[in-house]
Structures are given as structure tokens and as C-alpha cells.
Amino acid sequence: MYNKKIYYEKNYNNKKKKGVSSFKNKLRKYKQKNGRRRGIGKRKGTKKARKHPKKIWIRKIRLLRLFLKKTRYIDKIVNSFYREVYKKIKGNFFYSKKKLVEYLKIKKKKIRQNIVE
């Protein structure tokens, strides 16, 4: 029989080192990416802390202005009307792209009715 000391010296390096598994962490990240684990109970910061209001504003304004620019480029609206709507966007008249599109459709109908009459 081997001496215990000699046995451990020989076989010590053959053992796999145990570490902290990152599987659960990866799984959690994957679920969060898909929208899970983001409920009210998981939130620590306020709404403004989690999403900066100014950044949200900038994103919204850029989207609306880009859409307006494209509609003008396609010649769907006149420059004077473009200026009017641009100022309304700046004044937070539209809170989404959907509302802007609705507004443009309504204005188009009114203009057509005036031309027909």
C-alpha cells in the first residue's frame, strides 16, 4: 500500500479544479434579453433613473423630424406647411409618430376639400 502522503502528491494535480459556474448567470442574461425578469419587483431605480428623460425626448424628436424630412423630400408636403409642423414637433404637439401621421392625413383631407369647393 502507498503512503497517504505519496498518494495525494501523485493524484493532486489530476483533480479538476472546482470554480463558480457561469451557466445560471448566462441563463439569466438570456432571459432578460428576451424581456423576462424586468417586472416591478426587480426595479431599484425610479423611472427617470432607469431611462433618462432627455435621451427619450431626443430620440423621439429625431424620429419625428426625420419622418417629416422624408415626407417633404417625397413632395408630399409644401415647405410652408413643413415649417409649421416642424415647430409643432419642437413644441411637443405630437407625442408619437403615429399621431404625426394622423395629423398629416387630416390636414391633407382639409386641403383637398378646400380645393374641391
N, C-alpha and C. Protein backbone atom coordinates (compact mmCIF):
# COMPACT_ATOMS: atom_id res chain seq x y z
N MET A 1 0.84 -1.20 0.00
CA MET A 1 0.00 0.00 0.00
C MET A 1 0.87 1.25 0.00
N TYR A 2 0.32 2.24 -0.68
CA TYR A 2 1.01 3.52 -0.71
C TYR A 2 0.82 4.27 0.59
N ASN A 3 1.76 5.11 0.83
CA ASN A 3 1.61 6.04 1.93
C ASN A 3 0.62 7.12 1.49
N LYS A 4 -0.22 7.61 2.38
CA LYS A 4 -1.23 8.62 2.02
C LYS A 4 -0.59 9.86 1.41
N LYS A 5 0.51 10.27 1.98
CA LYS A 5 1.19 11.49 1.53
C LYS A 5 1.63 11.33 0.07
N ILE A 6 2.21 10.22 -0.26
CA ILE A 6 2.67 9.96 -1.63
C ILE A 6 1.48 9.88 -2.58
N TYR A 7 0.40 9.25 -2.13
CA TYR A 7 -0.81 9.10 -2.95
C TYR A 7 -1.37 10.47 -3.33
N TYR A 8 -1.50 11.37 -2.35
CA TYR A 8 -2.05 12.69 -2.62
C TYR A 8 -1.13 13.54 -3.49
N GLU A 9 0.17 13.36 -3.30
CA GLU A 9 1.12 14.11 -4.12
C GLU A 9 1.02 13.70 -5.59
N LYS A 10 0.80 12.43 -5.84
CA LYS A 10 0.70 11.95 -7.22
C LYS A 10 -0.62 12.37 -7.87
N ASN A 11 -1.71 12.22 -7.16
CA ASN A 11 -3.04 12.42 -7.74
C ASN A 11 -3.63 13.81 -7.52
N TYR A 12 -2.94 14.68 -6.85
CA TYR A 12 -3.48 16.00 -6.55
C TYR A 12 -3.71 16.82 -7.82
N ASN A 13 -2.76 16.74 -8.74
CA ASN A 13 -2.86 17.53 -9.97
C ASN A 13 -3.90 16.99 -10.94
N ASN A 14 -4.29 15.74 -10.78
CA ASN A 14 -5.26 15.14 -11.69
C ASN A 14 -6.69 15.58 -11.42
N LYS A 15 -6.95 16.10 -10.23
CA LYS A 15 -8.31 16.51 -9.88
C LYS A 15 -8.67 17.80 -10.61
N LYS A 16 -9.91 17.86 -11.07
CA LYS A 16 -10.37 19.07 -11.73
C LYS A 16 -10.63 20.15 -10.68
N LYS A 17 -10.24 21.34 -11.01
CA LYS A 17 -10.47 22.44 -10.08
C LYS A 17 -11.92 22.88 -10.17
N LYS A 18 -12.52 23.05 -9.03
CA LYS A 18 -13.91 23.48 -8.99
C LYS A 18 -13.97 25.00 -8.94
N GLY A 19 -14.83 25.57 -9.76
CA GLY A 19 -14.99 27.02 -9.77
C GLY A 19 -16.47 27.37 -9.76
N VAL A 20 -16.74 28.63 -9.84
CA VAL A 20 -18.13 29.09 -9.87
C VAL A 20 -18.64 28.97 -11.30
N SER A 21 -19.73 28.27 -11.47
CA SER A 21 -20.30 28.07 -12.80
C SER A 21 -20.99 29.35 -13.26
N SER A 22 -20.81 29.67 -14.53
CA SER A 22 -21.44 30.88 -15.06
C SER A 22 -22.71 30.56 -15.84
N PHE A 23 -23.17 29.32 -15.76
CA PHE A 23 -24.35 28.91 -16.52
C PHE A 23 -25.59 29.68 -16.10
N LYS A 24 -25.82 29.77 -14.78
CA LYS A 24 -27.03 30.45 -14.30
C LYS A 24 -27.01 31.92 -14.66
N ASN A 25 -25.84 32.51 -14.61
CA ASN A 25 -25.70 33.92 -14.98
C ASN A 25 -26.03 34.13 -16.47
N LYS A 26 -25.52 33.23 -17.30
CA LYS A 26 -25.79 33.31 -18.74
C LYS A 26 -27.27 33.12 -19.03
N LEU A 27 -27.88 32.19 -18.31
CA LEU A 27 -29.31 31.92 -18.48
C LEU A 27 -30.14 33.14 -18.10
N ARG A 28 -29.77 33.78 -16.99
CA ARG A 28 -30.49 34.98 -16.54
C ARG A 28 -30.36 36.11 -17.55
N LYS A 29 -29.15 36.30 -18.06
CA LYS A 29 -28.91 37.34 -19.07
C LYS A 29 -29.75 37.08 -20.33
N TYR A 30 -29.83 35.82 -20.73
CA TYR A 30 -30.61 35.44 -21.91
C TYR A 30 -32.08 35.76 -21.71
N LYS A 31 -32.58 35.44 -20.50
CA LYS A 31 -33.99 35.71 -20.21
C LYS A 31 -34.27 37.21 -20.18
N GLN A 32 -33.33 37.97 -19.61
CA GLN A 32 -33.50 39.42 -19.54
C GLN A 32 -33.50 40.03 -20.94
N LYS A 33 -32.69 39.46 -21.82
CA LYS A 33 -32.63 39.95 -23.19
C LYS A 33 -33.97 39.77 -23.88
N ASN A 34 -34.68 38.71 -23.50
CA ASN A 34 -35.99 38.43 -24.09
C ASN A 34 -37.14 39.10 -23.32
N GLY A 35 -36.80 39.97 -22.37
CA GLY A 35 -37.83 40.75 -21.70
C GLY A 35 -38.33 40.17 -20.39
N ARG A 36 -37.77 39.06 -19.96
CA ARG A 36 -38.18 38.47 -18.68
C ARG A 36 -37.38 39.12 -17.55
N ARG A 37 -37.82 38.90 -16.34
CA ARG A 37 -37.13 39.37 -15.13
C ARG A 37 -36.96 40.90 -15.11
N ARG A 38 -37.93 41.60 -15.62
CA ARG A 38 -37.84 43.07 -15.61
C ARG A 38 -39.10 43.68 -14.99
N GLY A 39 -39.76 42.90 -14.16
CA GLY A 39 -41.01 43.35 -13.54
C GLY A 39 -40.77 44.40 -12.46
N ILE A 40 -41.86 44.84 -11.85
CA ILE A 40 -41.80 45.90 -10.84
C ILE A 40 -40.93 45.49 -9.65
N GLY A 41 -40.99 44.22 -9.27
CA GLY A 41 -40.22 43.74 -8.13
C GLY A 41 -38.72 43.76 -8.33
N LYS A 42 -38.29 43.79 -9.58
CA LYS A 42 -36.85 43.77 -9.88
C LYS A 42 -36.27 45.18 -10.00
N ARG A 43 -37.12 46.18 -10.02
CA ARG A 43 -36.65 47.54 -10.28
C ARG A 43 -36.20 48.22 -9.00
N LYS A 44 -35.02 48.81 -9.06
CA LYS A 44 -34.47 49.51 -7.89
C LYS A 44 -34.56 51.03 -8.08
N GLY A 45 -34.26 51.49 -9.28
CA GLY A 45 -34.26 52.93 -9.53
C GLY A 45 -35.62 53.44 -9.97
N THR A 46 -35.77 54.76 -9.95
CA THR A 46 -37.01 55.37 -10.42
C THR A 46 -37.07 55.29 -11.94
N LYS A 47 -38.21 55.68 -12.48
CA LYS A 47 -38.40 55.63 -13.93
C LYS A 47 -37.39 56.53 -14.62
N LYS A 48 -37.16 57.70 -14.04
CA LYS A 48 -36.22 58.65 -14.64
C LYS A 48 -34.78 58.17 -14.51
N ALA A 49 -34.51 57.42 -13.45
CA ALA A 49 -33.15 56.91 -13.26
C ALA A 49 -32.85 55.79 -14.25
N ARG A 50 -33.88 55.02 -14.56
CA ARG A 50 -33.68 53.89 -15.47
C ARG A 50 -33.60 54.33 -16.93
N LYS A 51 -34.40 55.32 -17.30
CA LYS A 51 -34.34 55.88 -18.65
C LYS A 51 -34.32 57.39 -18.53
N HIS A 52 -33.25 57.98 -18.99
CA HIS A 52 -33.08 59.43 -18.86
C HIS A 52 -34.10 60.15 -19.74
N PRO A 53 -34.91 61.04 -19.15
CA PRO A 53 -35.98 61.70 -19.91
C PRO A 53 -35.48 62.49 -21.12
N LYS A 54 -34.34 63.12 -20.97
CA LYS A 54 -33.83 63.93 -22.09
C LYS A 54 -33.44 63.04 -23.26
N LYS A 55 -32.86 61.88 -22.96
CA LYS A 55 -32.48 60.96 -24.04
C LYS A 55 -33.71 60.43 -24.76
N ILE A 56 -34.77 60.17 -23.99
CA ILE A 56 -36.03 59.72 -24.59
C ILE A 56 -36.57 60.82 -25.50
N TRP A 57 -36.53 62.06 -25.02
CA TRP A 57 -37.00 63.22 -25.78
C TRP A 57 -36.22 63.36 -27.08
N ILE A 58 -34.90 63.28 -26.98
CA ILE A 58 -34.04 63.43 -28.16
C ILE A 58 -34.36 62.35 -29.19
N ARG A 59 -34.51 61.12 -28.72
CA ARG A 59 -34.81 60.01 -29.63
C ARG A 59 -36.14 60.25 -30.35
N LYS A 60 -37.14 60.71 -29.59
CA LYS A 60 -38.46 60.95 -30.16
C LYS A 60 -38.42 62.08 -31.19
N ILE A 61 -37.76 63.17 -30.83
CA ILE A 61 -37.69 64.34 -31.71
C ILE A 61 -36.96 64.01 -33.00
N ARG A 62 -35.86 63.28 -32.88
CA ARG A 62 -35.10 62.90 -34.07
C ARG A 62 -35.93 62.04 -35.01
N LEU A 63 -36.69 61.11 -34.43
CA LEU A 63 -37.54 60.24 -35.24
C LEU A 63 -38.58 61.06 -35.99
N LEU A 64 -39.25 61.97 -35.28
CA LEU A 64 -40.31 62.77 -35.90
C LEU A 64 -39.74 63.70 -36.98
N ARG A 65 -38.61 64.31 -36.70
CA ARG A 65 -38.00 65.22 -37.67
C ARG A 65 -37.54 64.49 -38.92
N LEU A 66 -36.99 63.30 -38.72
CA LEU A 66 -36.54 62.50 -39.86
C LEU A 66 -37.73 62.11 -40.74
N PHE A 67 -38.81 61.71 -40.10
CA PHE A 67 -40.01 61.33 -40.84
C PHE A 67 -40.55 62.53 -41.63
N LEU A 68 -40.57 63.69 -40.98
CA LEU A 68 -41.06 64.90 -41.64
C LEU A 68 -40.18 65.27 -42.83
N LYS A 69 -38.89 65.12 -42.65
CA LYS A 69 -37.94 65.43 -43.72
C LYS A 69 -38.17 64.51 -44.92
N LYS A 70 -38.41 63.24 -44.64
CA LYS A 70 -38.65 62.27 -45.72
C LYS A 70 -39.93 62.60 -46.47
N THR A 71 -40.98 62.97 -45.74
CA THR A 71 -42.25 63.31 -46.40
C THR A 71 -42.09 64.55 -47.27
N ARG A 72 -41.28 65.49 -46.84
CA ARG A 72 -41.05 66.68 -47.66
C ARG A 72 -40.23 66.32 -48.90
N TYR A 73 -39.29 65.43 -48.73
CA TYR A 73 -38.43 65.02 -49.84
C TYR A 73 -39.23 64.32 -50.93
N ILE A 74 -40.24 63.57 -50.53
CA ILE A 74 -41.09 62.86 -51.49
C ILE A 74 -42.10 63.82 -52.13
N ASP A 75 -42.12 65.06 -51.70
CA ASP A 75 -43.03 66.10 -52.18
C ASP A 75 -44.47 65.84 -51.76
N LYS A 76 -44.63 65.33 -50.57
CA LYS A 76 -45.99 65.15 -50.05
C LYS A 76 -46.46 66.41 -49.32
N ILE A 77 -45.52 67.22 -48.84
CA ILE A 77 -45.91 68.45 -48.16
C ILE A 77 -45.11 69.64 -48.69
N VAL A 78 -45.71 70.82 -48.56
CA VAL A 78 -45.09 72.06 -49.04
C VAL A 78 -44.18 72.61 -47.95
N ASN A 79 -43.22 73.43 -48.34
CA ASN A 79 -42.24 73.95 -47.39
C ASN A 79 -42.87 74.77 -46.26
N SER A 80 -43.88 75.57 -46.60
CA SER A 80 -44.51 76.39 -45.56
C SER A 80 -45.20 75.51 -44.52
N PHE A 81 -45.86 74.48 -44.99
CA PHE A 81 -46.52 73.54 -44.08
C PHE A 81 -45.49 72.74 -43.28
N TYR A 82 -44.37 72.43 -43.93
CA TYR A 82 -43.26 71.73 -43.26
C TYR A 82 -42.78 72.53 -42.06
N ARG A 83 -42.61 73.84 -42.26
CA ARG A 83 -42.14 74.72 -41.18
C ARG A 83 -43.13 74.73 -40.01
N GLU A 84 -44.39 74.78 -40.36
CA GLU A 84 -45.45 74.81 -39.34
C GLU A 84 -45.42 73.54 -38.48
N VAL A 85 -45.33 72.41 -39.15
CA VAL A 85 -45.32 71.12 -38.44
C VAL A 85 -44.03 70.95 -37.65
N TYR A 86 -42.93 71.43 -38.21
CA TYR A 86 -41.62 71.33 -37.55
C TYR A 86 -41.66 72.04 -36.20
N LYS A 87 -42.28 73.22 -36.19
CA LYS A 87 -42.39 73.98 -34.94
C LYS A 87 -43.30 73.27 -33.94
N LYS A 88 -44.34 72.63 -34.45
CA LYS A 88 -45.24 71.88 -33.57
C LYS A 88 -44.52 70.68 -32.95
N ILE A 89 -43.66 70.07 -33.73
CA ILE A 89 -42.86 68.96 -33.19
C ILE A 89 -41.97 69.46 -32.07
N LYS A 90 -41.35 70.60 -32.30
CA LYS A 90 -40.47 71.18 -31.28
C LYS A 90 -41.25 71.53 -30.01
N GLY A 91 -42.50 71.94 -30.19
CA GLY A 91 -43.34 72.31 -29.06
C GLY A 91 -44.04 71.14 -28.40
N ASN A 92 -43.67 69.91 -28.78
CA ASN A 92 -44.21 68.68 -28.19
C ASN A 92 -45.71 68.52 -28.45
N PHE A 93 -46.14 68.91 -29.64
CA PHE A 93 -47.54 68.77 -30.03
C PHE A 93 -47.87 67.31 -30.32
N PHE A 94 -46.91 66.60 -30.89
CA PHE A 94 -47.10 65.18 -31.21
C PHE A 94 -46.27 64.35 -30.24
N TYR A 95 -46.90 63.35 -29.63
CA TYR A 95 -46.13 62.52 -28.70
C TYR A 95 -45.75 61.18 -29.30
N SER A 96 -46.06 60.99 -30.60
CA SER A 96 -45.60 59.79 -31.28
C SER A 96 -45.68 60.00 -32.79
N LYS A 97 -45.03 59.12 -33.51
CA LYS A 97 -45.03 59.19 -34.97
C LYS A 97 -46.43 58.93 -35.52
N LYS A 98 -47.13 58.05 -34.84
CA LYS A 98 -48.49 57.70 -35.25
C LYS A 98 -49.39 58.94 -35.26
N LYS A 99 -49.27 59.76 -34.22
CA LYS A 99 -50.09 60.97 -34.13
C LYS A 99 -49.71 61.98 -35.21
N LEU A 100 -48.44 62.03 -35.53
CA LEU A 100 -47.97 62.93 -36.59
C LEU A 100 -48.56 62.51 -37.94
N VAL A 101 -48.55 61.21 -38.21
CA VAL A 101 -49.11 60.70 -39.47
C VAL A 101 -50.61 61.00 -39.55
N GLU A 102 -51.31 60.81 -38.44
CA GLU A 102 -52.75 61.11 -38.41
C GLU A 102 -53.00 62.59 -38.70
N TYR A 103 -52.20 63.44 -38.09
CA TYR A 103 -52.33 64.89 -38.27
C TYR A 103 -52.11 65.27 -39.74
N LEU A 104 -51.10 64.68 -40.36
CA LEU A 104 -50.81 64.97 -41.77
C LEU A 104 -51.96 64.52 -42.67
N LYS A 105 -52.55 63.36 -42.36
CA LYS A 105 -53.68 62.86 -43.16
C LYS A 105 -54.88 63.79 -43.05
N ILE A 106 -55.17 64.24 -41.83
CA ILE A 106 -56.30 65.14 -41.60
C ILE A 106 -56.10 66.45 -42.36
N LYS A 107 -54.90 66.99 -42.29
CA LYS A 107 -54.59 68.24 -42.99
C LYS A 107 -54.72 68.07 -44.50
N LYS A 108 -54.28 66.92 -45.01
CA LYS A 108 -54.39 66.66 -46.45
C LYS A 108 -55.85 66.67 -46.89
N LYS A 109 -56.70 66.00 -46.09
CA LYS A 109 -58.12 65.95 -46.41
C LYS A 109 -58.73 67.34 -46.44
N LYS A 110 -58.37 68.16 -45.45
CA LYS A 110 -58.90 69.53 -45.38
C LYS A 110 -58.47 70.35 -46.59
N ILE A 111 -57.22 70.19 -46.98
CA ILE A 111 -56.70 70.93 -48.14
C ILE A 111 -57.42 70.50 -49.41
N ARG A 112 -57.64 69.20 -49.56
CA ARG A 112 -58.35 68.68 -50.75
C ARG A 112 -59.79 69.18 -50.80
N GLN A 113 -60.45 69.21 -49.64
CA GLN A 113 -61.83 69.70 -49.59
C GLN A 113 -61.91 71.17 -49.99
N ASN A 114 -60.93 71.95 -49.54
CA ASN A 114 -60.91 73.38 -49.88
C ASN A 114 -60.69 73.59 -51.38
N ILE A 115 -59.86 72.73 -51.98
CA ILE A 115 -59.60 72.84 -53.42
C ILE A 115 -60.85 72.47 -54.22
N VAL A 116 -61.54 71.42 -53.80
CA VAL A 116 -62.74 70.96 -54.50
C VAL A 116 -63.85 72.01 -54.41
N GLU A 117 -64.00 72.59 -53.23
CA GLU A 117 -65.05 73.60 -53.03
C GLU A 117 -64.64 74.89 -53.71
